[in-house]
Structure formats: C-alpha cells, structure tokens
C-alpha cells in the first residue's frame, strides 16, 4: 500500500478577498479559491498532477517532494 504525505501549501489572501494557494517546491503551481479550503484543494490536485507528469516523463522530482510517496 502507498500513502501520500501532506504537501506543503502556502496561502495568501489577495486584496480582492480571494485566496491564493501555492506549493513552494513546485514553482508556478498555484490556484485561487473563494475560500482557503477551496484554494488548497485545487492546488493539491494540480501539484499531484504535475508530480505524476514529472514521474511519467522521467523528470527529476525535487528531493523535498520525492519523500511524499511512502511504500
């Protein structure tokens, strides 16, 4: 069985009241949401897709994220 450790997410509140969540270890992986929970959920989904694409194409996954997947 494989479990996935939490992905570190940073959240900021924009001037217009929206929330911007980002994954510092994956530059450019960001998502907006009307609330913090939505922004975090969206950015985690994007981050997992980016990581899957990196693994599939043979790209090197950042060391800080390679430990996310524990067998």
PDB file of N, CA and C in Angstrom:
ATOM      1  N   UNK A   1       0.842  -1.176   0.000  1.00  0.00           N
ATOM      2  CA  UNK A   1       0.000   0.000   0.000  1.00  0.00           C
ATOM      3  C   UNK A   1       0.890   1.244   0.000  1.00  0.00           C
ATOM      4  N   UNK A   2       0.492   2.260  -0.728  1.00  0.00           N
ATOM      5  CA  UNK A   2       1.236   3.513  -0.804  1.00  0.00           C
ATOM      6  C   UNK A   2       0.412   4.597  -0.131  1.00  0.00           C
ATOM      7  N   UNK A   3       1.052   5.365   0.731  1.00  0.00           N
ATOM      8  CA  UNK A   3       0.373   6.511   1.327  1.00  0.00           C
ATOM      9  C   UNK A   3       1.084   7.774   0.856  1.00  0.00           C
ATOM     10  N   UNK A   4       0.361   8.866   0.855  1.00  0.00           N
ATOM     11  CA  UNK A   4       0.920  10.135   0.396  1.00  0.00           C
ATOM     12  C   UNK A   4       0.988  11.078   1.588  1.00  0.00           C
ATOM     13  N   UNK A   5       2.195  11.563   1.858  1.00  0.00           N
ATOM     14  CA  UNK A   5       2.377  12.524   2.940  1.00  0.00           C
ATOM     15  C   UNK A   5       1.814  13.873   2.499  1.00  0.00           C
ATOM     16  N   UNK A   6       1.525  14.739   3.443  1.00  0.00           N
ATOM     17  CA  UNK A   6       0.990  16.072   3.089  1.00  0.00           C
ATOM     18  C   UNK A   6       1.954  16.886   2.236  1.00  0.00           C
ATOM     19  N   UNK A   7       1.404  17.647   1.333  1.00  0.00           N
ATOM     20  CA  UNK A   7       2.164  18.575   0.502  1.00  0.00           C
ATOM     21  C   UNK A   7       2.129  19.932   1.204  1.00  0.00           C
ATOM     22  N   UNK A   8       3.289  20.585   1.312  1.00  0.00           N
ATOM     23  CA  UNK A   8       3.336  21.903   1.963  1.00  0.00           C
ATOM     24  C   UNK A   8       2.711  22.944   1.039  1.00  0.00           C
ATOM     25  N   UNK A   9       1.714  23.633   1.562  1.00  0.00           N
ATOM     26  CA  UNK A   9       0.987  24.639   0.799  1.00  0.00           C
ATOM     27  C   UNK A   9       1.040  25.964   1.557  1.00  0.00           C
ATOM     28  N   UNK A  10       1.293  27.041   0.828  1.00  0.00           N
ATOM     29  CA  UNK A  10       1.241  28.378   1.412  1.00  0.00           C
ATOM     30  C   UNK A  10       0.004  29.073   0.876  1.00  0.00           C
ATOM     31  N   UNK A  11      -0.666  29.823   1.740  1.00  0.00           N
ATOM     32  CA  UNK A  11      -1.903  30.507   1.344  1.00  0.00           C
ATOM     33  C   UNK A  11      -1.779  31.988   1.666  1.00  0.00           C
ATOM     34  N   UNK A  12      -2.178  32.794   0.696  1.00  0.00           N
ATOM     35  CA  UNK A  12      -2.203  34.251   0.866  1.00  0.00           C
ATOM     36  C   UNK A  12      -3.602  34.744   0.546  1.00  0.00           C
ATOM     37  N   UNK A  13      -3.990  35.833   1.182  1.00  0.00           N
ATOM     38  CA  UNK A  13      -5.267  36.468   0.860  1.00  0.00           C
ATOM     39  C   UNK A  13      -4.982  37.654  -0.051  1.00  0.00           C
ATOM     40  N   UNK A  14      -5.638  37.675  -1.197  1.00  0.00           N
ATOM     41  CA  UNK A  14      -5.462  38.759  -2.155  1.00  0.00           C
ATOM     42  C   UNK A  14      -6.290  39.969  -1.719  1.00  0.00           C
ATOM     43  N   UNK A  15      -5.988  41.136  -2.293  1.00  0.00           N
ATOM     44  CA  UNK A  15      -6.717  42.358  -1.952  1.00  0.00           C
ATOM     45  C   UNK A  15      -8.206  42.249  -2.264  1.00  0.00           C
ATOM     46  N   UNK A  16      -8.553  41.447  -3.278  1.00  0.00           N
ATOM     47  CA  UNK A  16      -9.955  41.314  -3.667  1.00  0.00           C
ATOM     48  C   UNK A  16     -10.697  40.262  -2.833  1.00  0.00           C
ATOM     49  N   UNK A  17     -10.013  39.678  -1.835  1.00  0.00           N
ATOM     50  CA  UNK A  17     -10.650  38.718  -0.944  1.00  0.00           C
ATOM     51  C   UNK A  17     -10.474  37.266  -1.337  1.00  0.00           C
ATOM     52  N   UNK A  18      -9.961  37.024  -2.550  1.00  0.00           N
ATOM     53  CA  UNK A  18      -9.722  35.636  -2.956  1.00  0.00           C
ATOM     54  C   UNK A  18      -8.501  35.097  -2.233  1.00  0.00           C
ATOM     55  N   UNK A  19      -8.416  33.776  -2.176  1.00  0.00           N
ATOM     56  CA  UNK A  19      -7.276  33.107  -1.565  1.00  0.00           C
ATOM     57  C   UNK A  19      -6.410  32.509  -2.668  1.00  0.00           C
ATOM     58  N   UNK A  20      -5.097  32.673  -2.528  1.00  0.00           N
ATOM     59  CA  UNK A  20      -4.141  32.118  -3.477  1.00  0.00           C
ATOM     60  C   UNK A  20      -3.291  31.100  -2.739  1.00  0.00           C
ATOM     61  N   UNK A  21      -3.377  29.846  -3.171  1.00  0.00           N
ATOM     62  CA  UNK A  21      -2.582  28.769  -2.580  1.00  0.00           C
ATOM     63  C   UNK A  21      -1.476  28.396  -3.558  1.00  0.00           C
ATOM     64  N   UNK A  22      -0.292  28.112  -3.027  1.00  0.00           N
ATOM     65  CA  UNK A  22       0.829  27.720  -3.876  1.00  0.00           C
ATOM     66  C   UNK A  22       1.641  26.633  -3.181  1.00  0.00           C
ATOM     67  N   UNK A  23       2.393  25.890  -3.999  1.00  0.00           N
ATOM     68  CA  UNK A  23       3.284  24.842  -3.496  1.00  0.00           C
ATOM     69  C   UNK A  23       4.706  25.339  -3.766  1.00  0.00           C
ATOM     70  N   UNK A  24       5.414  25.803  -2.726  1.00  0.00           N
ATOM     71  CA  UNK A  24       6.740  26.399  -2.930  1.00  0.00           C
ATOM     72  C   UNK A  24       7.740  25.503  -3.666  1.00  0.00           C
ATOM     73  N   UNK A  25       7.656  24.196  -3.465  1.00  0.00           N
ATOM     74  CA  UNK A  25       8.605  23.283  -4.101  1.00  0.00           C
ATOM     75  C   UNK A  25       8.337  23.084  -5.593  1.00  0.00           C
ATOM     76  N   UNK A  26       7.178  23.550  -6.064  1.00  0.00           N
ATOM     77  CA  UNK A  26       6.824  23.433  -7.483  1.00  0.00           C
ATOM     78  C   UNK A  26       6.477  24.821  -8.011  1.00  0.00           C
ATOM     79  N   UNK A  27       7.488  25.584  -8.421  1.00  0.00           N
ATOM     80  CA  UNK A  27       7.232  26.944  -8.896  1.00  0.00           C
ATOM     81  C   UNK A  27       6.147  26.981  -9.986  1.00  0.00           C
ATOM     82  N   UNK A  28       5.248  27.915  -9.834  1.00  0.00           N
ATOM     83  CA  UNK A  28       4.174  28.074 -10.813  1.00  0.00           C
ATOM     84  C   UNK A  28       2.921  27.279 -10.500  1.00  0.00           C
ATOM     85  N   UNK A  29       2.978  26.407  -9.516  1.00  0.00           N
ATOM     86  CA  UNK A  29       1.799  25.623  -9.143  1.00  0.00           C
ATOM     87  C   UNK A  29       1.020  26.447  -8.125  1.00  0.00           C
ATOM     88  N   UNK A  30      -0.062  27.065  -8.616  1.00  0.00           N
ATOM     89  CA  UNK A  30      -0.891  27.961  -7.819  1.00  0.00           C
ATOM     90  C   UNK A  30      -2.348  27.773  -8.184  1.00  0.00           C
ATOM     91  N   UNK A  31      -3.223  28.128  -7.248  1.00  0.00           N
ATOM     92  CA  UNK A  31      -4.654  28.074  -7.524  1.00  0.00           C
ATOM     93  C   UNK A  31      -5.384  29.087  -6.653  1.00  0.00           C
ATOM     94  N   UNK A  32      -6.404  29.687  -7.223  1.00  0.00           N
ATOM     95  CA  UNK A  32      -7.255  30.621  -6.492  1.00  0.00           C
ATOM     96  C   UNK A  32      -8.507  29.912  -6.008  1.00  0.00           C
ATOM     97  N   UNK A  33      -9.065  30.441  -4.927  1.00  0.00           N
ATOM     98  CA  UNK A  33     -10.339  29.954  -4.435  1.00  0.00           C
ATOM     99  C   UNK A  33     -11.063  31.052  -3.697  1.00  0.00           C
ATOM    100  N   UNK A  34     -12.384  30.934  -3.620  1.00  0.00           N
ATOM    101  CA  UNK A  34     -13.174  31.921  -2.887  1.00  0.00           C
ATOM    102  C   UNK A  34     -12.976  31.788  -1.386  1.00  0.00           C
ATOM    103  N   UNK A  35     -12.518  30.589  -0.971  1.00  0.00           N
ATOM    104  CA  UNK A  35     -12.181  30.375   0.433  1.00  0.00           C
ATOM    105  C   UNK A  35     -10.885  29.579   0.486  1.00  0.00           C
ATOM    106  N   UNK A  36     -10.280  29.548   1.672  1.00  0.00           N
ATOM    107  CA  UNK A  36      -8.977  28.896   1.813  1.00  0.00           C
ATOM    108  C   UNK A  36      -9.041  27.406   1.485  1.00  0.00           C
ATOM    109  N   UNK A  37     -10.082  26.741   1.932  1.00  0.00           N
ATOM    110  CA  UNK A  37     -10.213  25.299   1.701  1.00  0.00           C
ATOM    111  C   UNK A  37     -10.267  24.973   0.206  1.00  0.00           C
ATOM    112  N   UNK A  38     -11.000  25.764  -0.553  1.00  0.00           N
ATOM    113  CA  UNK A  38     -11.103  25.532  -1.996  1.00  0.00           C
ATOM    114  C   UNK A  38      -9.762  25.749  -2.682  1.00  0.00           C
ATOM    115  N   UNK A  39      -9.069  26.817  -2.320  1.00  0.00           N
ATOM    116  CA  UNK A  39      -7.764  27.097  -2.930  1.00  0.00           C
ATOM    117  C   UNK A  39      -6.778  25.980  -2.631  1.00  0.00           C
ATOM    118  N   UNK A  40      -6.758  25.495  -1.394  1.00  0.00           N
ATOM    119  CA  UNK A  40      -5.834  24.419  -1.013  1.00  0.00           C
ATOM    120  C   UNK A  40      -6.179  23.134  -1.746  1.00  0.00           C
ATOM    121  N   UNK A  41      -7.446  22.802  -1.810  1.00  0.00           N
ATOM    122  CA  UNK A  41      -7.870  21.582  -2.513  1.00  0.00           C
ATOM    123  C   UNK A  41      -7.464  21.630  -3.983  1.00  0.00           C
ATOM    124  N   UNK A  42      -7.679  22.773  -4.627  1.00  0.00           N
ATOM    125  CA  UNK A  42      -7.324  22.923  -6.042  1.00  0.00           C
ATOM    126  C   UNK A  42      -5.818  22.802  -6.263  1.00  0.00           C
ATOM    127  N   UNK A  43      -5.024  23.478  -5.418  1.00  0.00           N
ATOM    128  CA  UNK A  43      -3.582  23.464  -5.645  1.00  0.00           C
ATOM    129  C   UNK A  43      -2.995  22.086  -5.368  1.00  0.00           C
ATOM    130  N   UNK A  44      -3.546  21.350  -4.408  1.00  0.00           N
ATOM    131  CA  UNK A  44      -3.062  19.987  -4.171  1.00  0.00           C
ATOM    132  C   UNK A  44      -3.345  19.084  -5.365  1.00  0.00           C
ATOM    133  N   UNK A  45      -4.516  19.238  -5.974  1.00  0.00           N
ATOM    134  CA  UNK A  45      -4.846  18.438  -7.165  1.00  0.00           C
ATOM    135  C   UNK A  45      -3.887  18.763  -8.308  1.00  0.00           C
ATOM    136  N   UNK A  46      -3.598  20.040  -8.492  1.00  0.00           N
ATOM    137  CA  UNK A  46      -2.663  20.453  -9.548  1.00  0.00           C
ATOM    138  C   UNK A  46      -1.268  19.903  -9.251  1.00  0.00           C
ATOM    139  N   UNK A  47      -0.826  20.015  -7.997  1.00  0.00           N
ATOM    140  CA  UNK A  47       0.510  19.542  -7.621  1.00  0.00           C
ATOM    141  C   UNK A  47       0.655  18.050  -7.871  1.00  0.00           C
ATOM    142  N   UNK A  48      -0.353  17.275  -7.513  1.00  0.00           N
ATOM    143  CA  UNK A  48      -0.283  15.833  -7.740  1.00  0.00           C
ATOM    144  C   UNK A  48      -0.218  15.508  -9.229  1.00  0.00           C
ATOM    145  N   UNK A  49      -0.953  16.254 -10.052  1.00  0.00           N
ATOM    146  CA  UNK A  49      -0.904  16.035 -11.493  1.00  0.00           C
ATOM    147  C   UNK A  49       0.471  16.394 -12.050  1.00  0.00           C
ATOM    148  N   UNK A  50       1.036  17.499 -11.588  1.00  0.00           N
ATOM    149  CA  UNK A  50       2.372  17.909 -12.035  1.00  0.00           C
ATOM    150  C   UNK A  50       3.397  16.848 -11.639  1.00  0.00           C
ATOM    151  N   UNK A  51       3.324  16.362 -10.402  1.00  0.00           N
ATOM    152  CA  UNK A  51       4.258  15.321  -9.963  1.00  0.00           C
ATOM    153  C   UNK A  51       4.093  14.044 -10.782  1.00  0.00           C
ATOM    154  N   UNK A  52       2.858  13.650 -11.057  1.00  0.00           N
ATOM    155  CA  UNK A  52       2.627  12.457 -11.879  1.00  0.00           C
ATOM    156  C   UNK A  52       3.218  12.646 -13.272  1.00  0.00           C
ATOM    157  N   UNK A  53       3.042  13.819 -13.858  1.00  0.00           N
ATOM    158  CA  UNK A  53       3.601  14.104 -15.181  1.00  0.00           C
ATOM    159  C   UNK A  53       5.131  14.070 -15.150  1.00  0.00           C
ATOM    160  N   UNK A  54       5.723  14.615 -14.071  1.00  0.00           N
ATOM    161  CA  UNK A  54       7.184  14.602 -13.944  1.00  0.00           C
ATOM    162  C   UNK A  54       7.702  13.169 -13.868  1.00  0.00           C
ATOM    163  N   UNK A  55       7.054  12.346 -13.068  1.00  0.00           N
ATOM    164  CA  UNK A  55       7.463  10.953 -12.919  1.00  0.00           C
ATOM    165  C   UNK A  55       7.304  10.205 -14.235  1.00  0.00           C
ATOM    166  N   UNK A  56       6.162  10.409 -14.893  1.00  0.00           N
ATOM    167  CA  UNK A  56       5.892   9.715 -16.154  1.00  0.00           C
ATOM    168  C   UNK A  56       6.898  10.078 -17.238  1.00  0.00           C
ATOM    169  N   UNK A  57       7.316  11.346 -17.272  1.00  0.00           N
ATOM    170  CA  UNK A  57       8.243  11.770 -18.324  1.00  0.00           C
ATOM    171  C   UNK A  57       9.708  11.584 -17.926  1.00  0.00           C
ATOM    172  N   UNK A  58       9.958  11.042 -16.726  1.00  0.00           N
ATOM    173  CA  UNK A  58      11.321  10.777 -16.299  1.00  0.00           C
ATOM    174  C   UNK A  58      12.054  11.973 -15.740  1.00  0.00           C
ATOM    175  N   UNK A  59      11.328  13.058 -15.476  1.00  0.00           N
ATOM    176  CA  UNK A  59      11.966  14.232 -14.892  1.00  0.00           C
ATOM    177  C   UNK A  59      12.294  13.965 -13.432  1.00  0.00           C
ATOM    178  N   UNK A  60      13.283  14.686 -12.940  1.00  0.00           N
ATOM    179  CA  UNK A  60      13.673  14.533 -11.542  1.00  0.00           C
ATOM    180  C   UNK A  60      12.690  15.287 -10.647  1.00  0.00           C
ATOM    181  N   UNK A  61      12.159  14.593  -9.674  1.00  0.00           N
ATOM    182  CA  UNK A  61      11.242  15.195  -8.705  1.00  0.00           C
ATOM    183  C   UNK A  61      12.093  15.834  -7.619  1.00  0.00           C
ATOM    184  N   UNK A  62      11.762  17.075  -7.200  1.00  0.00           N
ATOM    185  CA  UNK A  62      12.538  17.710  -6.138  1.00  0.00           C
ATOM    186  C   UNK A  62      12.651  16.792  -4.917  1.00  0.00           C
ATOM    187  N   UNK A  63      13.833  16.759  -4.304  1.00  0.00           N
ATOM    188  CA  UNK A  63      14.080  15.892  -3.147  1.00  0.00           C
ATOM    189  C   UNK A  63      13.037  16.082  -2.058  1.00  0.00           C
ATOM    190  N   UNK A  64      12.637  17.326  -1.837  1.00  0.00           N
ATOM    191  CA  UNK A  64      11.684  17.600  -0.767  1.00  0.00           C
ATOM    192  C   UNK A  64      10.310  16.975  -1.044  1.00  0.00           C
ATOM    193  N   UNK A  65      10.031  16.647  -2.299  1.00  0.00           N
ATOM    194  CA  UNK A  65       8.749  16.048  -2.655  1.00  0.00           C
ATOM    195  C   UNK A  65       8.841  14.552  -2.933  1.00  0.00           C
ATOM    196  N   UNK A  66      10.044  14.067  -3.198  1.00  0.00           N
ATOM    197  CA  UNK A  66      10.168  12.643  -3.519  1.00  0.00           C
ATOM    198  C   UNK A  66       9.831  11.769  -2.317  1.00  0.00           C
ATOM    199  N   UNK A  67       9.920  12.321  -1.123  1.00  0.00           N
ATOM    200  CA  UNK A  67       9.586  11.555   0.075  1.00  0.00           C
ATOM    201  C   UNK A  67       8.092  11.567   0.365  1.00  0.00           C
ATOM    202  N   UNK A  68       7.299  12.218  -0.486  1.00  0.00           N
ATOM    203  CA  UNK A  68       5.848  12.248  -0.297  1.00  0.00           C
ATOM    204  C   UNK A  68       5.244  10.857  -0.427  1.00  0.00           C
ATOM    205  N   UNK A  69       5.836  10.053  -1.284  1.00  0.00           N
ATOM    206  CA  UNK A  69       5.279   8.755  -1.587  1.00  0.00           C
ATOM    207  C   UNK A  69       6.030   7.688  -0.802  1.00  0.00           C
ATOM    208  N   UNK A  70       5.344   7.098   0.135  1.00  0.00           N
ATOM    209  CA  UNK A  70       5.949   6.102   1.019  1.00  0.00           C
ATOM    210  C   UNK A  70       5.305   4.753   0.752  1.00  0.00           C
ATOM    211  N   UNK A  71       6.144   3.742   0.483  1.00  0.00           N
ATOM    212  CA  UNK A  71       5.614   2.412   0.225  1.00  0.00           C
ATOM    213  C   UNK A  71       5.377   1.659   1.502  1.00  0.00           C
TER     214      UNK A  71
END
